[in-house]
N, C-alpha and C. Protein backbone atom coordinates (compact mmCIF):
# COMPACT_ATOMS: atom_id res chain seq x y z
N MET A 1 17.90 5.60 6.40
CA MET A 1 17.43 4.43 5.70
C MET A 1 16.16 3.97 6.38
N SER A 2 15.12 3.83 5.61
CA SER A 2 13.83 3.44 6.15
C SER A 2 13.48 2.03 5.74
N LEU A 3 12.92 1.29 6.68
CA LEU A 3 12.45 -0.05 6.37
C LEU A 3 10.93 -0.07 6.22
N ASP A 4 10.33 1.11 6.21
CA ASP A 4 8.89 1.17 6.00
C ASP A 4 8.59 0.60 4.63
N LEU A 5 7.62 -0.29 4.57
CA LEU A 5 7.35 -0.98 3.31
C LEU A 5 5.84 -1.02 3.08
N PRO A 6 5.33 -0.10 2.26
CA PRO A 6 3.91 -0.14 1.96
C PRO A 6 3.54 -1.47 1.34
N ARG A 7 2.33 -1.90 1.62
CA ARG A 7 1.85 -3.21 1.17
C ARG A 7 2.07 -3.43 -0.32
N ALA A 8 1.79 -2.47 -1.15
CA ALA A 8 1.94 -2.65 -2.60
C ALA A 8 3.40 -2.83 -3.01
N GLU A 9 4.31 -2.21 -2.27
CA GLU A 9 5.72 -2.32 -2.62
C GLU A 9 6.36 -3.59 -2.09
N ALA A 10 5.65 -4.33 -1.26
CA ALA A 10 6.23 -5.51 -0.63
C ALA A 10 6.38 -6.67 -1.59
N ARG A 11 5.77 -6.60 -2.74
CA ARG A 11 5.85 -7.70 -3.69
C ARG A 11 7.26 -7.83 -4.23
N THR A 12 7.75 -9.04 -4.30
CA THR A 12 9.08 -9.27 -4.83
C THR A 12 8.99 -9.46 -6.32
N GLU A 13 10.14 -9.62 -6.95
CA GLU A 13 10.18 -9.80 -8.39
C GLU A 13 9.42 -11.07 -8.77
N THR A 14 8.35 -10.89 -9.50
CA THR A 14 7.52 -12.01 -9.90
C THR A 14 7.09 -11.80 -11.35
N ARG A 15 7.46 -12.70 -12.20
CA ARG A 15 7.05 -12.65 -13.60
C ARG A 15 7.22 -11.27 -14.21
N GLY A 16 8.45 -10.75 -14.11
CA GLY A 16 8.76 -9.50 -14.79
C GLY A 16 8.59 -8.26 -13.96
N ARG A 17 7.94 -8.36 -12.80
CA ARG A 17 7.81 -7.16 -11.97
C ARG A 17 9.05 -7.02 -11.12
N ALA A 18 9.56 -5.81 -11.03
CA ALA A 18 10.76 -5.57 -10.23
C ALA A 18 10.38 -5.38 -8.77
N ALA A 19 11.21 -5.85 -7.89
CA ALA A 19 11.00 -5.65 -6.46
C ALA A 19 11.33 -4.21 -6.11
N SER A 20 10.71 -3.69 -5.05
CA SER A 20 11.00 -2.33 -4.62
C SER A 20 12.36 -2.28 -3.95
N PRO A 21 12.99 -1.10 -3.93
CA PRO A 21 14.28 -0.98 -3.25
C PRO A 21 14.18 -1.38 -1.78
N ALA A 22 13.08 -1.03 -1.11
CA ALA A 22 12.92 -1.39 0.30
C ALA A 22 12.85 -2.90 0.45
N ALA A 23 12.11 -3.57 -0.42
CA ALA A 23 12.01 -5.03 -0.36
C ALA A 23 13.36 -5.66 -0.64
N ASP A 24 14.12 -5.09 -1.55
CA ASP A 24 15.46 -5.61 -1.85
C ASP A 24 16.36 -5.51 -0.62
N GLU A 25 16.29 -4.37 0.05
CA GLU A 25 17.11 -4.17 1.25
C GLU A 25 16.71 -5.14 2.36
N ILE A 26 15.43 -5.34 2.54
CA ILE A 26 14.95 -6.28 3.55
C ILE A 26 15.41 -7.69 3.22
N ARG A 27 15.28 -8.06 1.95
CA ARG A 27 15.73 -9.39 1.54
C ARG A 27 17.23 -9.57 1.78
N GLN A 28 18.02 -8.53 1.52
CA GLN A 28 19.46 -8.61 1.78
C GLN A 28 19.74 -8.83 3.26
N ARG A 29 19.02 -8.14 4.11
CA ARG A 29 19.19 -8.32 5.56
C ARG A 29 18.81 -9.74 5.97
N LEU A 30 17.72 -10.23 5.42
CA LEU A 30 17.29 -11.59 5.74
C LEU A 30 18.28 -12.62 5.21
N GLU A 31 18.79 -12.40 4.01
CA GLU A 31 19.79 -13.32 3.45
C GLU A 31 21.05 -13.33 4.31
N HIS A 32 21.45 -12.15 4.79
CA HIS A 32 22.62 -12.08 5.66
C HIS A 32 22.36 -12.85 6.96
N ALA A 33 21.18 -12.66 7.54
CA ALA A 33 20.83 -13.39 8.77
C ALA A 33 20.83 -14.89 8.51
N ARG A 34 20.30 -15.31 7.37
CA ARG A 34 20.26 -16.73 7.03
C ARG A 34 21.67 -17.29 6.87
N SER A 35 22.51 -16.59 6.11
CA SER A 35 23.86 -17.11 5.87
C SER A 35 24.67 -17.16 7.16
N THR A 36 24.44 -16.21 8.06
CA THR A 36 25.12 -16.23 9.35
C THR A 36 24.71 -17.46 10.16
N ARG A 37 23.41 -17.75 10.19
CA ARG A 37 22.94 -18.92 10.95
C ARG A 37 23.42 -20.22 10.32
N LEU A 38 23.45 -20.27 8.99
CA LEU A 38 23.96 -21.48 8.33
C LEU A 38 25.44 -21.69 8.63
N ALA A 39 26.20 -20.60 8.69
CA ALA A 39 27.62 -20.70 9.05
C ALA A 39 27.78 -21.18 10.49
N GLN A 40 26.90 -20.74 11.36
CA GLN A 40 26.95 -21.21 12.75
C GLN A 40 26.67 -22.70 12.83
N LEU A 41 25.68 -23.16 12.07
CA LEU A 41 25.38 -24.60 12.05
C LEU A 41 26.57 -25.39 11.53
N LYS A 42 27.18 -24.90 10.48
CA LYS A 42 28.34 -25.58 9.90
C LYS A 42 29.48 -25.65 10.91
N ALA A 43 29.71 -24.55 11.61
CA ALA A 43 30.77 -24.52 12.62
C ALA A 43 30.50 -25.52 13.73
N LEU A 44 29.25 -25.64 14.14
CA LEU A 44 28.91 -26.62 15.16
C LEU A 44 29.15 -28.04 14.65
N ASP A 45 28.77 -28.27 13.40
CA ASP A 45 28.99 -29.59 12.81
C ASP A 45 30.47 -29.93 12.72
N GLU A 46 31.29 -28.92 12.42
CA GLU A 46 32.72 -29.14 12.23
C GLU A 46 33.52 -29.07 13.53
N SER A 47 32.85 -28.75 14.62
CA SER A 47 33.56 -28.58 15.89
C SER A 47 34.04 -29.90 16.47
N GLY A 48 33.52 -30.99 15.96
CA GLY A 48 33.94 -32.28 16.46
C GLY A 48 33.19 -32.73 17.69
N GLN A 49 32.28 -31.88 18.16
CA GLN A 49 31.48 -32.26 19.32
C GLN A 49 30.37 -33.20 18.87
N SER A 50 30.04 -34.10 19.70
CA SER A 50 29.02 -35.09 19.40
C SER A 50 27.66 -34.42 19.26
N SER A 51 26.87 -34.90 18.32
CA SER A 51 25.50 -34.39 18.16
C SER A 51 24.65 -34.76 19.36
N ASP A 52 25.13 -35.74 20.13
CA ASP A 52 24.41 -36.15 21.33
C ASP A 52 24.67 -35.20 22.50
N ASP A 53 25.69 -34.36 22.35
CA ASP A 53 26.01 -33.37 23.38
C ASP A 53 24.80 -32.44 23.54
N HIS A 54 24.32 -32.31 24.77
CA HIS A 54 23.10 -31.54 25.04
C HIS A 54 23.25 -30.08 24.61
N LEU A 55 24.38 -29.46 24.92
CA LEU A 55 24.57 -28.05 24.57
C LEU A 55 24.58 -27.86 23.06
N THR A 56 25.32 -28.71 22.36
CA THR A 56 25.39 -28.62 20.90
C THR A 56 24.01 -28.83 20.29
N SER A 57 23.31 -29.82 20.78
CA SER A 57 21.97 -30.11 20.28
C SER A 57 21.03 -28.93 20.51
N THR A 58 21.11 -28.32 21.68
CA THR A 58 20.27 -27.16 22.01
C THR A 58 20.60 -25.98 21.11
N GLN A 59 21.89 -25.76 20.87
CA GLN A 59 22.31 -24.67 20.00
C GLN A 59 21.79 -24.89 18.58
N LYS A 60 21.92 -26.10 18.08
CA LYS A 60 21.44 -26.40 16.72
C LYS A 60 19.94 -26.20 16.61
N GLU A 61 19.19 -26.64 17.62
CA GLU A 61 17.74 -26.45 17.60
C GLU A 61 17.38 -24.97 17.57
N ALA A 62 18.08 -24.16 18.36
CA ALA A 62 17.81 -22.72 18.40
C ALA A 62 18.11 -22.07 17.05
N ILE A 63 19.21 -22.46 16.44
CA ILE A 63 19.57 -21.90 15.13
C ILE A 63 18.54 -22.31 14.09
N LYS A 64 18.08 -23.54 14.14
CA LYS A 64 17.07 -24.00 13.18
C LYS A 64 15.75 -23.27 13.37
N ARG A 65 15.41 -22.93 14.62
CA ARG A 65 14.19 -22.15 14.87
C ARG A 65 14.31 -20.77 14.24
N VAL A 66 15.48 -20.15 14.38
CA VAL A 66 15.70 -18.82 13.79
C VAL A 66 15.64 -18.92 12.26
N LEU A 67 16.22 -19.98 11.69
CA LEU A 67 16.15 -20.16 10.23
C LEU A 67 14.70 -20.26 9.77
N ALA A 68 13.86 -20.94 10.54
CA ALA A 68 12.44 -21.03 10.20
C ALA A 68 11.78 -19.65 10.29
N GLU A 69 12.15 -18.86 11.30
CA GLU A 69 11.61 -17.50 11.43
C GLU A 69 12.05 -16.63 10.25
N ILE A 70 13.27 -16.83 9.79
CA ILE A 70 13.76 -16.07 8.63
C ILE A 70 12.95 -16.44 7.39
N ASP A 71 12.68 -17.73 7.19
CA ASP A 71 11.85 -18.15 6.06
C ASP A 71 10.45 -17.54 6.15
N GLU A 72 9.90 -17.49 7.36
CA GLU A 72 8.58 -16.87 7.55
C GLU A 72 8.64 -15.38 7.23
N ALA A 73 9.74 -14.73 7.56
CA ALA A 73 9.88 -13.30 7.26
C ALA A 73 9.93 -13.07 5.75
N PHE A 74 10.62 -13.95 5.02
CA PHE A 74 10.61 -13.85 3.55
C PHE A 74 9.18 -13.95 3.03
N ALA A 75 8.40 -14.84 3.59
CA ALA A 75 6.99 -14.99 3.16
C ALA A 75 6.20 -13.72 3.47
N ARG A 76 6.47 -13.08 4.60
CA ARG A 76 5.76 -11.84 4.93
C ARG A 76 6.15 -10.71 3.98
N VAL A 77 7.42 -10.70 3.53
CA VAL A 77 7.81 -9.70 2.53
C VAL A 77 7.00 -9.95 1.26
N ASP A 78 6.89 -11.21 0.87
CA ASP A 78 6.16 -11.57 -0.35
C ASP A 78 4.68 -11.21 -0.28
N ASP A 79 4.06 -11.41 0.89
CA ASP A 79 2.62 -11.17 0.96
C ASP A 79 2.26 -9.77 1.46
N GLY A 80 3.28 -8.95 1.72
CA GLY A 80 3.01 -7.56 2.07
C GLY A 80 2.75 -7.31 3.54
N THR A 81 2.98 -8.29 4.39
CA THR A 81 2.72 -8.09 5.82
C THR A 81 3.99 -7.90 6.63
N TYR A 82 5.14 -7.86 5.97
CA TYR A 82 6.40 -7.68 6.69
C TYR A 82 6.40 -6.34 7.42
N GLY A 83 6.85 -6.37 8.65
CA GLY A 83 6.94 -5.14 9.44
C GLY A 83 5.74 -4.90 10.33
N ALA A 84 4.70 -5.70 10.18
CA ALA A 84 3.53 -5.59 11.04
C ALA A 84 3.63 -6.65 12.13
N CYS A 85 3.39 -6.25 13.37
CA CYS A 85 3.44 -7.18 14.50
C CYS A 85 2.33 -8.21 14.36
N LEU A 86 2.68 -9.48 14.53
CA LEU A 86 1.68 -10.54 14.44
C LEU A 86 0.79 -10.59 15.67
N GLY A 87 1.20 -9.90 16.74
CA GLY A 87 0.41 -9.86 17.95
C GLY A 87 -0.66 -8.78 17.93
N CYS A 88 -0.24 -7.56 17.70
CA CYS A 88 -1.17 -6.42 17.79
C CYS A 88 -1.49 -5.79 16.43
N GLY A 89 -0.72 -6.13 15.40
CA GLY A 89 -0.97 -5.59 14.07
C GLY A 89 -0.33 -4.24 13.81
N LYS A 90 0.25 -3.63 14.84
CA LYS A 90 0.90 -2.33 14.67
C LYS A 90 2.27 -2.54 14.00
N ALA A 91 2.81 -1.45 13.48
CA ALA A 91 4.12 -1.51 12.83
C ALA A 91 5.21 -1.79 13.85
N VAL A 92 6.09 -2.72 13.51
CA VAL A 92 7.28 -2.98 14.33
C VAL A 92 8.25 -1.84 14.04
N PRO A 93 8.82 -1.23 15.08
CA PRO A 93 9.74 -0.10 14.85
C PRO A 93 10.89 -0.49 13.92
N PRO A 94 11.22 0.39 12.96
CA PRO A 94 12.31 0.10 12.02
C PRO A 94 13.62 -0.26 12.70
N GLU A 95 13.89 0.35 13.87
CA GLU A 95 15.13 0.04 14.59
C GLU A 95 15.15 -1.42 15.02
N ARG A 96 14.01 -1.93 15.43
CA ARG A 96 13.93 -3.35 15.83
C ARG A 96 14.14 -4.25 14.62
N LEU A 97 13.55 -3.88 13.49
CA LEU A 97 13.70 -4.67 12.27
C LEU A 97 15.14 -4.64 11.75
N GLU A 98 15.85 -3.55 12.01
CA GLU A 98 17.26 -3.48 11.61
C GLU A 98 18.08 -4.50 12.40
N ILE A 99 17.79 -4.62 13.68
CA ILE A 99 18.53 -5.53 14.55
C ILE A 99 18.09 -6.97 14.34
N LEU A 100 16.79 -7.19 14.26
CA LEU A 100 16.21 -8.52 14.08
C LEU A 100 15.28 -8.50 12.86
N PRO A 101 15.82 -8.61 11.67
CA PRO A 101 14.98 -8.47 10.48
C PRO A 101 13.91 -9.56 10.36
N HIS A 102 14.06 -10.64 11.11
CA HIS A 102 13.09 -11.74 11.05
C HIS A 102 12.06 -11.68 12.18
N THR A 103 12.11 -10.63 13.00
CA THR A 103 11.20 -10.57 14.14
C THR A 103 9.74 -10.55 13.70
N ARG A 104 8.90 -11.16 14.50
CA ARG A 104 7.47 -11.23 14.20
C ARG A 104 6.65 -10.29 15.06
N HIS A 105 7.26 -9.77 16.13
CA HIS A 105 6.49 -9.00 17.11
C HIS A 105 7.19 -7.70 17.49
N CYS A 106 6.38 -6.74 17.90
CA CYS A 106 6.92 -5.54 18.52
C CYS A 106 7.43 -5.94 19.91
N VAL A 107 8.13 -5.04 20.58
CA VAL A 107 8.73 -5.37 21.87
C VAL A 107 7.65 -5.73 22.90
N ALA A 108 6.58 -4.97 22.94
CA ALA A 108 5.52 -5.23 23.94
C ALA A 108 4.91 -6.61 23.75
N CYS A 109 4.60 -6.97 22.52
CA CYS A 109 3.99 -8.30 22.26
C CYS A 109 5.01 -9.41 22.50
N GLN A 110 6.27 -9.16 22.20
CA GLN A 110 7.30 -10.16 22.46
C GLN A 110 7.43 -10.43 23.95
N ARG A 111 7.36 -9.36 24.74
CA ARG A 111 7.43 -9.52 26.22
C ARG A 111 6.26 -10.36 26.71
N ARG A 112 5.08 -10.10 26.18
CA ARG A 112 3.90 -10.87 26.59
C ARG A 112 4.01 -12.34 26.18
N ALA A 113 4.68 -12.59 25.06
CA ALA A 113 4.82 -13.97 24.55
C ALA A 113 5.80 -14.78 25.39
N ASN A 114 6.73 -14.10 26.04
CA ASN A 114 7.74 -14.82 26.86
C ASN A 114 7.25 -15.09 28.21
């Protein structure tokens, strides 16, 4: 299974145009990542722990940051830039995108960012 997505195929279904199978698969991965994070937020809310609790608050902030990254990844699928590292412009390895479909950087650029 390849996550390589040529720029022209990255367009999603818009006004009658069908999305490519690769874009559909990427969107499914992103939707799964989103639903997982939303379930985590819900579990934290239902845990009965106070929102003032530092650990709970930190966890919620981290999950919300990932949700924002997922939304950004959907936008990159739409504009044809999904899979390209925002740091160096090179292709992010498909294996990395399988594990972190919302990632913005290749491993080397991510290390430099941390």
